[in-house]
Amino acid sequence: MLNEKMEEAINEQINKEMYSSYLYLAMSAYSSAKGLPGFAHWFKIQVEEETIHAMKFFDYLNRQGANVKLKEIQEPPMEFGTPLEMFLQTLEHEQFITRSIHELVDLAIAEKDHATNAFLQWYVNEQIEEEENDNDIIAKLKLVGDNINSLYMLDNELAQRLPPQPATQGNA
């Protein structure tokens, strides 16, 4: 059974994960409008991942007999600049989510909530992967610079991203 502090913090995290979905959906739309269908596809897959993250928290609250309290989702921006600027914003957002997950872990430890701490370890590892993916794309975008042909090749590469697989989602 979760205490009120932990329940409220996880409900806040659900909202942050759903905002992430909204943000990446906006980035997908922006990429599409800029003629970058591969970037748009990459962000659509990211929308799916973030929704899965939110639903894992949602299911955890339900399994713990806690109350899910859905909150208003903030409207995301609609302009993101160059592809490099967009991915720098993506990395900044993922770093914000990482800090939020770490705060949840700290709270679980302070509250001696071992079950929630164990559950959160999946997210700790997931955030390492999220930031690594963003950093890899940022490095490629820096190499590409203003070269349109290279940007086209990177767009094609991002179009190959596969959707999340049930086996990799975990059951944490």
C-alpha atoms as a PDB file:
ATOM      1  CA  MET A   1       0.000   0.000   0.000  1.00  0.00           C
ATOM      2  CA  LEU A   2       1.378   3.374  -1.003  1.00  0.00           C
ATOM      3  CA  ASN A   3       1.383   6.314   1.342  1.00  0.00           C
ATOM      4  CA  GLU A   4      -0.123   9.640   0.223  1.00  0.00           C
ATOM      5  CA  LYS A   5       3.228  11.262  -0.604  1.00  0.00           C
ATOM      6  CA  MET A   6       4.224   8.420  -2.913  1.00  0.00           C
ATOM      7  CA  GLU A   7       0.775   8.233  -4.494  1.00  0.00           C
ATOM      8  CA  GLU A   8       0.778  11.971  -5.246  1.00  0.00           C
ATOM      9  CA  ALA A   9       4.311  11.884  -6.629  1.00  0.00           C
ATOM     10  CA  ILE A  10       3.488   8.997  -8.972  1.00  0.00           C
ATOM     11  CA  ASN A  11       0.338  10.781 -10.131  1.00  0.00           C
ATOM     12  CA  GLU A  12       2.521  13.808 -10.937  1.00  0.00           C
ATOM     13  CA  GLN A  13       4.872  11.524 -12.868  1.00  0.00           C
ATOM     14  CA  ILE A  14       1.970  10.169 -14.928  1.00  0.00           C
ATOM     15  CA  ASN A  15       1.239  13.764 -15.921  1.00  0.00           C
ATOM     16  CA  LYS A  16       4.896  14.364 -16.852  1.00  0.00           C
ATOM     17  CA  GLU A  17       4.961  11.212 -18.981  1.00  0.00           C
ATOM     18  CA  MET A  18       1.738  12.209 -20.746  1.00  0.00           C
ATOM     19  CA  TYR A  19       3.163  15.675 -21.353  1.00  0.00           C
ATOM     20  CA  SER A  20       6.201  13.957 -22.877  1.00  0.00           C
ATOM     21  CA  SER A  21       3.836  12.172 -25.273  1.00  0.00           C
ATOM     22  CA  TYR A  22       2.223  15.489 -26.186  1.00  0.00           C
ATOM     23  CA  LEU A  23       5.589  17.185 -26.626  1.00  0.00           C
ATOM     24  CA  TYR A  24       6.854  14.461 -28.945  1.00  0.00           C
ATOM     25  CA  LEU A  25       3.587  14.469 -30.879  1.00  0.00           C
ATOM     26  CA  ALA A  26       4.084  18.210 -31.430  1.00  0.00           C
ATOM     27  CA  MET A  27       7.663  17.542 -32.543  1.00  0.00           C
ATOM     28  CA  SER A  28       6.392  14.882 -34.939  1.00  0.00           C
ATOM     29  CA  ALA A  29       3.899  17.318 -36.455  1.00  0.00           C
ATOM     30  CA  TYR A  30       6.596  19.988 -36.711  1.00  0.00           C
ATOM     31  CA  SER A  31       9.009  17.569 -38.397  1.00  0.00           C
ATOM     32  CA  SER A  32       6.343  16.507 -40.853  1.00  0.00           C
ATOM     33  CA  ALA A  33       5.564  20.133 -41.702  1.00  0.00           C
ATOM     34  CA  LYS A  34       9.289  20.744 -42.295  1.00  0.00           C
ATOM     35  CA  GLY A  35       9.493  17.863 -44.801  1.00  0.00           C
ATOM     36  CA  LEU A  36      11.293  15.451 -42.477  1.00  0.00           C
ATOM     37  CA  PRO A  37       9.118  12.322 -42.450  1.00  0.00           C
ATOM     38  CA  GLY A  38      11.825  10.204 -40.805  1.00  0.00           C
ATOM     39  CA  PHE A  39      12.095  12.623 -37.894  1.00  0.00           C
ATOM     40  CA  ALA A  40       8.283  12.687 -37.700  1.00  0.00           C
ATOM     41  CA  HIS A  41       8.235   8.872 -37.558  1.00  0.00           C
ATOM     42  CA  TRP A  42      10.953   8.786 -34.872  1.00  0.00           C
ATOM     43  CA  PHE A  43       8.932  11.142 -32.690  1.00  0.00           C
ATOM     44  CA  LYS A  44       5.704   9.160 -33.241  1.00  0.00           C
ATOM     45  CA  ILE A  45       7.494   6.088 -31.894  1.00  0.00           C
ATOM     46  CA  GLN A  46       8.652   8.209 -28.961  1.00  0.00           C
ATOM     47  CA  VAL A  47       5.000   9.132 -28.319  1.00  0.00           C
ATOM     48  CA  GLU A  48       4.223   5.404 -28.010  1.00  0.00           C
ATOM     49  CA  GLU A  49       7.117   4.887 -25.586  1.00  0.00           C
ATOM     50  CA  GLU A  50       6.093   7.774 -23.358  1.00  0.00           C
ATOM     51  CA  THR A  51       2.499   6.556 -23.270  1.00  0.00           C
ATOM     52  CA  ILE A  52       3.763   3.120 -22.215  1.00  0.00           C
ATOM     53  CA  HIS A  53       5.773   4.791 -19.444  1.00  0.00           C
ATOM     54  CA  ALA A  54       2.674   6.624 -18.192  1.00  0.00           C
ATOM     55  CA  MET A  55       0.572   3.468 -18.331  1.00  0.00           C
ATOM     56  CA  LYS A  56       3.134   1.487 -16.325  1.00  0.00           C
ATOM     57  CA  PHE A  57       2.772   4.081 -13.542  1.00  0.00           C
ATOM     58  CA  PHE A  58      -1.026   4.027 -13.963  1.00  0.00           C
ATOM     59  CA  ASP A  59      -1.100   0.226 -13.638  1.00  0.00           C
ATOM     60  CA  TYR A  60       1.272   0.306 -10.660  1.00  0.00           C
ATOM     61  CA  LEU A  61      -1.008   2.681  -8.769  1.00  0.00           C
ATOM     62  CA  ASN A  62      -3.979   0.441  -9.508  1.00  0.00           C
ATOM     63  CA  ARG A  63      -2.115  -2.711  -8.434  1.00  0.00           C
ATOM     64  CA  GLN A  64      -1.146  -0.969  -5.176  1.00  0.00           C
ATOM     65  CA  GLY A  65      -4.750  -0.011  -4.444  1.00  0.00           C
ATOM     66  CA  ALA A  66      -3.908   3.669  -4.807  1.00  0.00           C
ATOM     67  CA  ASN A  67      -5.978   6.386  -6.470  1.00  0.00           C
ATOM     68  CA  VAL A  68      -5.109   7.498  -9.987  1.00  0.00           C
ATOM     69  CA  LYS A  69      -5.653  11.250 -10.265  1.00  0.00           C
ATOM     70  CA  LEU A  70      -5.343  12.414 -13.852  1.00  0.00           C
ATOM     71  CA  LYS A  71      -4.381  16.047 -14.194  1.00  0.00           C
ATOM     72  CA  GLU A  72      -4.553  18.585 -17.000  1.00  0.00           C
ATOM     73  CA  ILE A  73      -1.798  18.152 -19.574  1.00  0.00           C
ATOM     74  CA  GLN A  74       0.076  21.337 -20.422  1.00  0.00           C
ATOM     75  CA  GLU A  75       0.019  22.438 -24.062  1.00  0.00           C
ATOM     76  CA  PRO A  76       3.409  21.864 -25.730  1.00  0.00           C
ATOM     77  CA  PRO A  77       5.168  24.426 -27.926  1.00  0.00           C
ATOM     78  CA  MET A  78       4.599  24.151 -31.663  1.00  0.00           C
ATOM     79  CA  GLU A  79       7.926  25.530 -32.981  1.00  0.00           C
ATOM     80  CA  PHE A  80      11.263  23.831 -32.380  1.00  0.00           C
ATOM     81  CA  GLY A  81      13.812  25.421 -34.726  1.00  0.00           C
ATOM     82  CA  THR A  82      16.361  23.342 -36.588  1.00  0.00           C
ATOM     83  CA  PRO A  83      16.550  19.556 -36.211  1.00  0.00           C
ATOM     84  CA  LEU A  84      19.582  20.037 -33.958  1.00  0.00           C
ATOM     85  CA  GLU A  85      17.745  22.572 -31.791  1.00  0.00           C
ATOM     86  CA  MET A  86      14.770  20.208 -31.607  1.00  0.00           C
ATOM     87  CA  PHE A  87      16.919  17.317 -30.390  1.00  0.00           C
ATOM     88  CA  LEU A  88      18.720  19.548 -27.900  1.00  0.00           C
ATOM     89  CA  GLN A  89      15.250  20.359 -26.510  1.00  0.00           C
ATOM     90  CA  THR A  90      14.448  16.640 -26.514  1.00  0.00           C
ATOM     91  CA  LEU A  91      17.587  15.876 -24.504  1.00  0.00           C
ATOM     92  CA  GLU A  92      16.821  18.707 -22.076  1.00  0.00           C
ATOM     93  CA  HIS A  93      13.320  17.323 -21.570  1.00  0.00           C
ATOM     94  CA  GLU A  94      14.623  13.778 -21.008  1.00  0.00           C
ATOM     95  CA  GLN A  95      17.106  15.116 -18.459  1.00  0.00           C
ATOM     96  CA  PHE A  96      14.158  16.766 -16.670  1.00  0.00           C
ATOM     97  CA  ILE A  97      12.343  13.401 -16.654  1.00  0.00           C
ATOM     98  CA  THR A  98      15.491  11.666 -15.389  1.00  0.00           C
ATOM     99  CA  ARG A  99      15.713  14.113 -12.472  1.00  0.00           C
ATOM    100  CA  SER A 100      12.029  13.501 -11.741  1.00  0.00           C
ATOM    101  CA  ILE A 101      12.533   9.709 -11.698  1.00  0.00           C
ATOM    102  CA  HIS A 102      15.523  10.123  -9.400  1.00  0.00           C
ATOM    103  CA  GLU A 103      13.392  12.244  -7.050  1.00  0.00           C
ATOM    104  CA  LEU A 104      10.804   9.446  -7.003  1.00  0.00           C
ATOM    105  CA  VAL A 105      13.539   6.943  -6.114  1.00  0.00           C
ATOM    106  CA  ASP A 106      14.777   9.261  -3.366  1.00  0.00           C
ATOM    107  CA  LEU A 107      11.229   9.548  -2.010  1.00  0.00           C
ATOM    108  CA  ALA A 108      10.716   5.780  -2.114  1.00  0.00           C
ATOM    109  CA  ILE A 109      13.960   5.299  -0.177  1.00  0.00           C
ATOM    110  CA  ALA A 110      13.040   7.997   2.367  1.00  0.00           C
ATOM    111  CA  GLU A 111       9.605   6.432   2.840  1.00  0.00           C
ATOM    112  CA  LYS A 112      11.138   2.928   3.064  1.00  0.00           C
ATOM    113  CA  ASP A 113       8.908   1.870   0.185  1.00  0.00           C
ATOM    114  CA  HIS A 114      10.983  -1.015  -1.145  1.00  0.00           C
ATOM    115  CA  ALA A 115       8.368  -2.193  -3.641  1.00  0.00           C
ATOM    116  CA  THR A 116       8.166   1.209  -5.315  1.00  0.00           C
ATOM    117  CA  ASN A 117      11.942   1.558  -5.271  1.00  0.00           C
ATOM    118  CA  ALA A 118      12.249  -1.784  -7.070  1.00  0.00           C
ATOM    119  CA  PHE A 119       9.537  -0.771  -9.558  1.00  0.00           C
ATOM    120  CA  LEU A 120      11.319   2.516 -10.298  1.00  0.00           C
ATOM    121  CA  GLN A 121      14.609   0.849 -11.212  1.00  0.00           C
ATOM    122  CA  TRP A 122      13.160   0.007 -14.657  1.00  0.00           C
ATOM    123  CA  TYR A 123      12.673   3.753 -15.217  1.00  0.00           C
ATOM    124  CA  VAL A 124      16.182   4.593 -14.004  1.00  0.00           C
ATOM    125  CA  ASN A 125      17.591   2.256 -16.655  1.00  0.00           C
ATOM    126  CA  GLU A 126      15.132   3.439 -19.293  1.00  0.00           C
ATOM    127  CA  GLN A 127      16.228   7.037 -18.816  1.00  0.00           C
ATOM    128  CA  ILE A 128      19.853   6.073 -19.437  1.00  0.00           C
ATOM    129  CA  GLU A 129      18.727   4.690 -22.810  1.00  0.00           C
ATOM    130  CA  GLU A 130      16.558   7.736 -23.578  1.00  0.00           C
ATOM    131  CA  GLU A 131      19.394  10.193 -23.003  1.00  0.00           C
ATOM    132  CA  GLU A 132      21.866   8.003 -24.893  1.00  0.00           C
ATOM    133  CA  ASN A 133      19.560   7.888 -27.941  1.00  0.00           C
ATOM    134  CA  ASP A 134      19.169  11.672 -27.909  1.00  0.00           C
ATOM    135  CA  ASN A 135      22.913  12.220 -27.533  1.00  0.00           C
ATOM    136  CA  ASP A 136      23.610   9.865 -30.463  1.00  0.00           C
ATOM    137  CA  ILE A 137      21.218  11.777 -32.731  1.00  0.00           C
ATOM    138  CA  ILE A 138      22.622  15.126 -31.557  1.00  0.00           C
ATOM    139  CA  ALA A 139      26.147  13.953 -32.427  1.00  0.00           C
ATOM    140  CA  LYS A 140      24.964  12.947 -35.908  1.00  0.00           C
ATOM    141  CA  LEU A 141      23.166  16.256 -36.398  1.00  0.00           C
ATOM    142  CA  LYS A 142      26.329  18.119 -35.426  1.00  0.00           C
ATOM    143  CA  LEU A 143      28.271  16.095 -38.013  1.00  0.00           C
ATOM    144  CA  VAL A 144      25.607  16.786 -40.645  1.00  0.00           C
ATOM    145  CA  GLY A 145      25.680  20.532 -40.066  1.00  0.00           C
ATOM    146  CA  ASP A 146      24.059  22.312 -43.018  1.00  0.00           C
ATOM    147  CA  ASN A 147      24.606  19.450 -45.473  1.00  0.00           C
ATOM    148  CA  ILE A 148      21.154  18.749 -46.961  1.00  0.00           C
ATOM    149  CA  ASN A 149      22.188  15.379 -48.418  1.00  0.00           C
ATOM    150  CA  SER A 150      23.441  14.188 -45.034  1.00  0.00           C
ATOM    151  CA  LEU A 151      20.265  15.444 -43.346  1.00  0.00           C
ATOM    152  CA  TYR A 152      18.237  13.484 -45.913  1.00  0.00           C
ATOM    153  CA  MET A 153      20.263  10.342 -45.079  1.00  0.00           C
ATOM    154  CA  LEU A 154      19.740  10.876 -41.344  1.00  0.00           C
ATOM    155  CA  ASP A 155      16.011  11.405 -41.961  1.00  0.00           C
ATOM    156  CA  ASN A 156      15.941   8.030 -43.744  1.00  0.00           C
ATOM    157  CA  GLU A 157      17.807   6.418 -40.840  1.00  0.00           C
ATOM    158  CA  LEU A 158      15.315   7.780 -38.285  1.00  0.00           C
ATOM    159  CA  ALA A 159      12.458   6.456 -40.427  1.00  0.00           C
ATOM    160  CA  GLN A 160      13.708   2.921 -39.675  1.00  0.00           C
ATOM    161  CA  ARG A 161      12.972   3.138 -35.950  1.00  0.00           C
ATOM    162  CA  LEU A 162      10.814   0.253 -34.819  1.00  0.00           C
ATOM    163  CA  PRO A 163       7.905   0.600 -32.393  1.00  0.00           C
ATOM    164  CA  PRO A 164       8.336  -0.609 -28.813  1.00  0.00           C
ATOM    165  CA  GLN A 165       8.032  -4.377 -28.477  1.00  0.00           C
ATOM    166  CA  PRO A 166       5.961  -5.933 -25.685  1.00  0.00           C
ATOM    167  CA  ALA A 167       8.900  -8.072 -24.544  1.00  0.00           C
ATOM    168  CA  THR A 168      11.092  -4.965 -24.011  1.00  0.00           C
ATOM    169  CA  GLN A 169       8.460  -3.052 -22.060  1.00  0.00           C
ATOM    170  CA  GLY A 170       9.047  -5.097 -18.966  1.00  0.00           C
ATOM    171  CA  ASN A 171       6.597  -5.968 -16.242  1.00  0.00           C
ATOM    172  CA  ALA A 172       8.179  -3.934 -13.468  1.00  0.00           C
END
